[in-house]
N, C-alpha and C. Protein backbone atom coordinates (compact mmCIF):
# COMPACT_ATOMS: atom_id res chain seq x y z
N UNK A 1 44.82 129.51 147.17
CA UNK A 1 44.68 129.00 145.81
C UNK A 1 44.18 127.56 145.88
N UNK A 2 43.17 127.28 145.07
CA UNK A 2 42.68 125.91 144.99
C UNK A 2 42.29 125.59 143.56
N UNK A 3 42.11 124.29 143.31
CA UNK A 3 41.72 123.84 141.97
C UNK A 3 40.71 122.71 142.11
N UNK A 4 39.84 122.60 141.13
CA UNK A 4 38.94 121.46 141.02
C UNK A 4 39.57 120.53 140.00
N UNK A 5 39.89 119.30 140.43
CA UNK A 5 40.62 118.36 139.58
C UNK A 5 39.83 117.06 139.49
N UNK A 6 39.92 116.43 138.31
CA UNK A 6 39.25 115.14 138.12
C UNK A 6 40.28 114.02 138.29
N UNK A 7 40.00 113.12 139.24
CA UNK A 7 40.88 111.99 139.52
C UNK A 7 40.04 110.73 139.48
N UNK A 8 40.38 109.81 138.59
CA UNK A 8 39.67 108.53 138.45
C UNK A 8 38.16 108.72 138.29
N UNK A 9 37.76 109.72 137.51
CA UNK A 9 36.34 109.90 137.22
C UNK A 9 35.57 110.67 138.28
N UNK A 10 36.22 111.13 139.34
CA UNK A 10 35.55 111.93 140.36
C UNK A 10 36.24 113.28 140.49
N UNK A 11 35.48 114.30 140.90
CA UNK A 11 36.02 115.64 141.04
C UNK A 11 36.31 115.95 142.50
N UNK A 12 37.47 116.57 142.74
CA UNK A 12 37.90 116.91 144.09
C UNK A 12 38.40 118.34 144.13
N UNK A 13 38.23 118.98 145.29
CA UNK A 13 38.80 120.31 145.51
C UNK A 13 40.20 120.11 146.08
N UNK A 14 41.20 120.63 145.40
CA UNK A 14 42.60 120.41 145.78
C UNK A 14 43.23 121.71 146.27
N UNK A 15 43.68 121.69 147.52
CA UNK A 15 44.44 122.80 148.10
C UNK A 15 45.75 122.25 148.63
N UNK A 16 46.79 123.06 148.61
CA UNK A 16 48.10 122.60 149.08
C UNK A 16 48.03 122.18 150.54
N UNK A 17 48.64 121.01 150.83
CA UNK A 17 48.69 120.51 152.19
C UNK A 17 47.51 119.66 152.61
N UNK A 18 46.45 119.61 151.81
CA UNK A 18 45.27 118.82 152.15
C UNK A 18 45.47 117.35 151.80
N UNK A 19 44.71 116.47 152.47
CA UNK A 19 44.72 115.04 152.17
C UNK A 19 43.47 114.69 151.39
N UNK A 20 43.62 113.78 150.44
CA UNK A 20 42.49 113.29 149.66
C UNK A 20 42.44 111.77 149.74
N UNK A 21 41.24 111.24 149.80
CA UNK A 21 41.03 109.80 149.68
C UNK A 21 40.31 109.58 148.36
N UNK A 22 41.03 109.04 147.36
CA UNK A 22 40.47 108.83 146.03
C UNK A 22 40.26 107.33 145.81
N UNK A 23 39.49 106.99 144.78
CA UNK A 23 39.31 105.58 144.44
C UNK A 23 40.67 104.91 144.25
N UNK A 24 40.76 103.66 144.62
CA UNK A 24 42.03 102.93 144.62
C UNK A 24 42.73 103.02 143.27
N UNK A 25 44.02 103.39 143.31
CA UNK A 25 44.87 103.45 142.12
C UNK A 25 45.86 102.30 142.22
N UNK A 26 45.65 101.21 141.46
CA UNK A 26 46.50 100.01 141.59
C UNK A 26 47.97 100.26 141.27
N UNK A 27 48.28 101.20 140.40
CA UNK A 27 49.66 101.42 139.98
C UNK A 27 50.44 102.30 140.98
N UNK A 28 49.76 102.88 141.95
CA UNK A 28 50.41 103.80 142.89
C UNK A 28 51.21 103.04 143.95
N UNK A 29 52.33 103.64 144.34
CA UNK A 29 53.18 103.09 145.40
C UNK A 29 53.41 104.18 146.43
N UNK A 30 53.67 103.81 147.67
CA UNK A 30 53.90 104.77 148.75
C UNK A 30 55.11 105.65 148.47
N UNK A 31 54.96 106.96 148.67
CA UNK A 31 56.05 107.90 148.45
C UNK A 31 56.20 108.38 147.02
N UNK A 32 55.43 107.82 146.12
CA UNK A 32 55.50 108.18 144.70
C UNK A 32 54.82 109.53 144.48
N UNK A 33 55.34 110.31 143.53
CA UNK A 33 54.72 111.58 143.15
C UNK A 33 53.87 111.37 141.92
N UNK A 34 52.63 111.88 141.98
CA UNK A 34 51.66 111.70 140.89
C UNK A 34 51.18 113.08 140.46
N UNK A 35 51.05 113.29 139.15
CA UNK A 35 50.55 114.55 138.61
C UNK A 35 49.22 114.32 137.91
N UNK A 36 48.27 115.21 138.16
CA UNK A 36 46.97 115.15 137.51
C UNK A 36 46.80 116.42 136.69
N UNK A 37 46.52 116.25 135.40
CA UNK A 37 46.44 117.39 134.49
C UNK A 37 45.01 117.72 134.06
N UNK A 38 44.02 116.97 134.54
CA UNK A 38 42.63 117.28 134.23
C UNK A 38 42.09 118.27 135.25
N UNK A 39 42.58 119.50 135.17
CA UNK A 39 42.15 120.56 136.09
C UNK A 39 41.00 121.30 135.43
N UNK A 40 39.85 121.32 136.09
CA UNK A 40 38.64 121.90 135.51
C UNK A 40 38.45 123.37 135.88
N UNK A 41 38.97 123.77 137.05
CA UNK A 41 38.79 125.14 137.52
C UNK A 41 39.96 125.50 138.43
N UNK A 42 40.41 126.75 138.35
CA UNK A 42 41.48 127.24 139.22
C UNK A 42 41.03 128.57 139.82
N UNK A 43 41.15 128.69 141.15
CA UNK A 43 40.86 129.94 141.85
C UNK A 43 42.16 130.44 142.45
N UNK A 44 42.70 131.53 141.89
CA UNK A 44 43.95 132.10 142.35
C UNK A 44 43.65 133.41 143.07
N UNK A 45 43.32 133.32 144.36
CA UNK A 45 43.01 134.48 145.21
C UNK A 45 41.91 135.35 144.60
N UNK A 46 40.80 134.73 144.24
CA UNK A 46 39.66 135.46 143.69
C UNK A 46 39.66 135.55 142.18
N UNK A 47 40.75 135.22 141.52
CA UNK A 47 40.83 135.24 140.07
C UNK A 47 40.51 133.83 139.56
N UNK A 48 39.29 133.62 139.08
CA UNK A 48 38.81 132.29 138.73
C UNK A 48 39.00 132.04 137.24
N UNK A 49 39.58 130.87 136.92
CA UNK A 49 39.75 130.43 135.54
C UNK A 49 39.01 129.12 135.37
N UNK A 50 38.06 129.09 134.44
CA UNK A 50 37.27 127.89 134.18
C UNK A 50 37.72 127.31 132.85
N UNK A 51 37.99 126.02 132.83
CA UNK A 51 38.45 125.36 131.62
C UNK A 51 37.31 124.98 130.71
N UNK A 52 37.65 124.74 129.44
CA UNK A 52 36.66 124.31 128.47
C UNK A 52 37.23 123.17 127.64
N UNK A 53 37.29 121.94 128.05
CA UNK A 53 36.86 121.40 129.35
C UNK A 53 37.92 121.46 130.43
N UNK A 54 39.22 121.65 130.07
CA UNK A 54 40.27 121.71 131.10
C UNK A 54 41.05 123.02 130.96
N UNK A 55 41.72 123.41 132.04
CA UNK A 55 42.56 124.61 132.04
C UNK A 55 43.92 124.22 131.47
N UNK A 56 44.34 124.93 130.43
CA UNK A 56 45.61 124.62 129.78
C UNK A 56 46.78 124.99 130.69
N UNK A 57 47.75 124.08 130.79
CA UNK A 57 48.97 124.33 131.56
C UNK A 57 48.83 124.17 133.06
N UNK A 58 47.65 123.83 133.53
CA UNK A 58 47.44 123.66 134.97
C UNK A 58 47.57 122.18 135.33
N UNK A 59 48.13 121.93 136.52
CA UNK A 59 48.22 120.57 137.01
C UNK A 59 48.32 120.58 138.52
N UNK A 60 48.02 119.42 139.11
CA UNK A 60 48.08 119.24 140.55
C UNK A 60 49.10 118.14 140.83
N UNK A 61 50.08 118.44 141.68
CA UNK A 61 51.13 117.48 142.03
C UNK A 61 50.81 116.92 143.41
N UNK A 62 50.74 115.58 143.50
CA UNK A 62 50.38 114.91 144.75
C UNK A 62 51.43 113.86 145.10
N UNK A 63 51.48 113.52 146.37
CA UNK A 63 52.35 112.44 146.84
C UNK A 63 51.45 111.36 147.43
N UNK A 64 51.75 110.11 147.09
CA UNK A 64 50.96 108.98 147.59
C UNK A 64 51.44 108.68 149.01
N UNK A 65 50.55 108.80 149.97
CA UNK A 65 50.87 108.50 151.37
C UNK A 65 50.69 107.02 151.62
N UNK A 66 49.52 106.51 151.26
CA UNK A 66 49.22 105.09 151.45
C UNK A 66 48.49 104.59 150.21
N UNK A 67 49.04 103.57 149.53
CA UNK A 67 48.41 103.12 148.29
C UNK A 67 47.10 102.37 148.48
N UNK A 68 46.86 101.83 149.68
CA UNK A 68 45.62 101.10 149.91
C UNK A 68 45.11 101.37 151.32
N UNK A 69 43.96 102.02 151.39
CA UNK A 69 43.28 102.30 152.65
C UNK A 69 41.87 101.76 152.50
N UNK A 70 41.40 101.01 153.50
CA UNK A 70 40.04 100.49 153.44
C UNK A 70 39.10 101.42 154.19
N UNK A 71 37.96 101.68 153.59
CA UNK A 71 36.96 102.55 154.20
C UNK A 71 36.12 101.79 155.22
N UNK A 72 35.08 102.46 155.70
CA UNK A 72 34.15 101.84 156.65
C UNK A 72 33.40 100.71 155.98
N UNK A 73 33.00 99.73 156.78
CA UNK A 73 32.27 98.59 156.24
C UNK A 73 30.84 99.01 155.88
N UNK A 74 30.40 98.61 154.70
CA UNK A 74 29.05 98.89 154.23
C UNK A 74 28.30 97.56 154.21
N UNK A 75 27.16 97.52 154.89
CA UNK A 75 26.36 96.29 154.95
C UNK A 75 25.16 96.42 154.03
N UNK A 76 24.90 95.35 153.29
CA UNK A 76 23.74 95.29 152.40
C UNK A 76 22.86 94.15 152.87
N UNK A 77 21.62 94.47 153.22
CA UNK A 77 20.71 93.47 153.78
C UNK A 77 19.51 93.35 152.86
N UNK A 78 19.24 92.11 152.40
CA UNK A 78 18.08 91.83 151.56
C UNK A 78 17.11 90.96 152.33
N UNK A 79 15.83 91.28 152.23
CA UNK A 79 14.82 90.47 152.91
C UNK A 79 13.56 90.46 152.06
N UNK A 80 12.93 89.30 151.98
CA UNK A 80 11.62 89.19 151.35
C UNK A 80 10.64 88.80 152.44
N UNK A 81 9.68 89.64 152.66
CA UNK A 81 8.77 89.42 153.78
C UNK A 81 7.93 88.16 153.59
N UNK A 82 7.67 87.51 154.68
CA UNK A 82 6.83 86.30 154.77
C UNK A 82 7.41 85.11 154.01
N UNK A 83 8.62 85.18 153.52
CA UNK A 83 9.20 84.07 152.76
C UNK A 83 10.35 83.40 153.50
N UNK A 84 10.81 84.01 154.57
CA UNK A 84 11.94 83.45 155.29
C UNK A 84 13.27 83.71 154.59
N UNK A 85 13.28 84.61 153.62
CA UNK A 85 14.50 84.89 152.86
C UNK A 85 15.20 86.11 153.44
N UNK A 86 16.42 85.90 153.94
CA UNK A 86 17.25 86.99 154.45
C UNK A 86 18.68 86.77 153.99
N UNK A 87 19.33 87.82 153.51
CA UNK A 87 20.71 87.70 153.06
C UNK A 87 21.46 88.96 153.48
N UNK A 88 22.64 88.78 154.06
CA UNK A 88 23.47 89.90 154.51
C UNK A 88 24.81 89.83 153.81
N UNK A 89 25.15 90.88 153.08
CA UNK A 89 26.45 91.01 152.43
C UNK A 89 27.10 92.29 152.90
N UNK A 90 28.40 92.37 152.75
CA UNK A 90 29.10 93.58 153.13
C UNK A 90 30.41 93.71 152.37
N UNK A 91 30.93 94.92 152.32
CA UNK A 91 32.23 95.16 151.68
C UNK A 91 32.84 96.41 152.29
N UNK A 92 34.14 96.57 152.07
CA UNK A 92 34.86 97.77 152.48
C UNK A 92 35.49 98.37 151.24
N UNK A 93 35.13 99.60 150.93
CA UNK A 93 35.63 100.27 149.74
C UNK A 93 37.12 100.55 149.89
N UNK A 94 37.87 100.45 148.79
CA UNK A 94 39.31 100.66 148.82
C UNK A 94 39.65 102.04 148.27
N UNK A 95 40.53 102.74 148.99
CA UNK A 95 40.94 104.09 148.63
C UNK A 95 42.46 104.16 148.55
N UNK A 96 42.95 105.23 147.92
CA UNK A 96 44.36 105.60 147.94
C UNK A 96 44.43 106.98 148.60
N UNK A 97 45.34 107.13 149.58
CA UNK A 97 45.47 108.39 150.30
C UNK A 97 46.56 109.25 149.65
N UNK A 98 46.19 110.48 149.29
CA UNK A 98 47.10 111.41 148.64
C UNK A 98 47.24 112.68 149.47
N UNK A 99 48.42 113.31 149.41
CA UNK A 99 48.63 114.63 149.97
C UNK A 99 48.98 115.56 148.82
N UNK A 100 48.34 116.72 148.76
CA UNK A 100 48.57 117.65 147.68
C UNK A 100 49.80 118.48 148.00
N UNK A 101 50.79 118.40 147.13
CA UNK A 101 52.04 119.13 147.32
C UNK A 101 52.01 120.51 146.68
N UNK A 102 51.40 120.57 145.47
CA UNK A 102 51.47 121.83 144.72
C UNK A 102 50.33 121.91 143.73
N UNK A 103 49.78 123.12 143.58
CA UNK A 103 48.79 123.41 142.54
C UNK A 103 49.45 124.39 141.59
N UNK A 104 49.66 123.97 140.34
CA UNK A 104 50.34 124.80 139.35
C UNK A 104 49.31 125.31 138.36
N UNK A 105 49.25 126.62 138.20
CA UNK A 105 48.29 127.19 137.25
C UNK A 105 48.94 128.32 136.45
């Protein structure tokens, strides 16, 4: 059984026991249980239910493993040829790590 759920504006495939890295949730704390009710699709052993826009009564229960995880460093390099202009910037995207405990449909 799996579900397609919308978390912080992005869609994820949620199966029990899987880990998800979602955009950083500032209000989340380690060990906290979080429920997401924007379930767009549920597949229950071949029986597919598609919401319009969401499936009524369906939700995904997750546990916050780590409230702040930094991703790989992304480098942004700007250059203007023949002008001597070079600029290097970088950042590390912030994620929240979740474990899916239950898919209720």
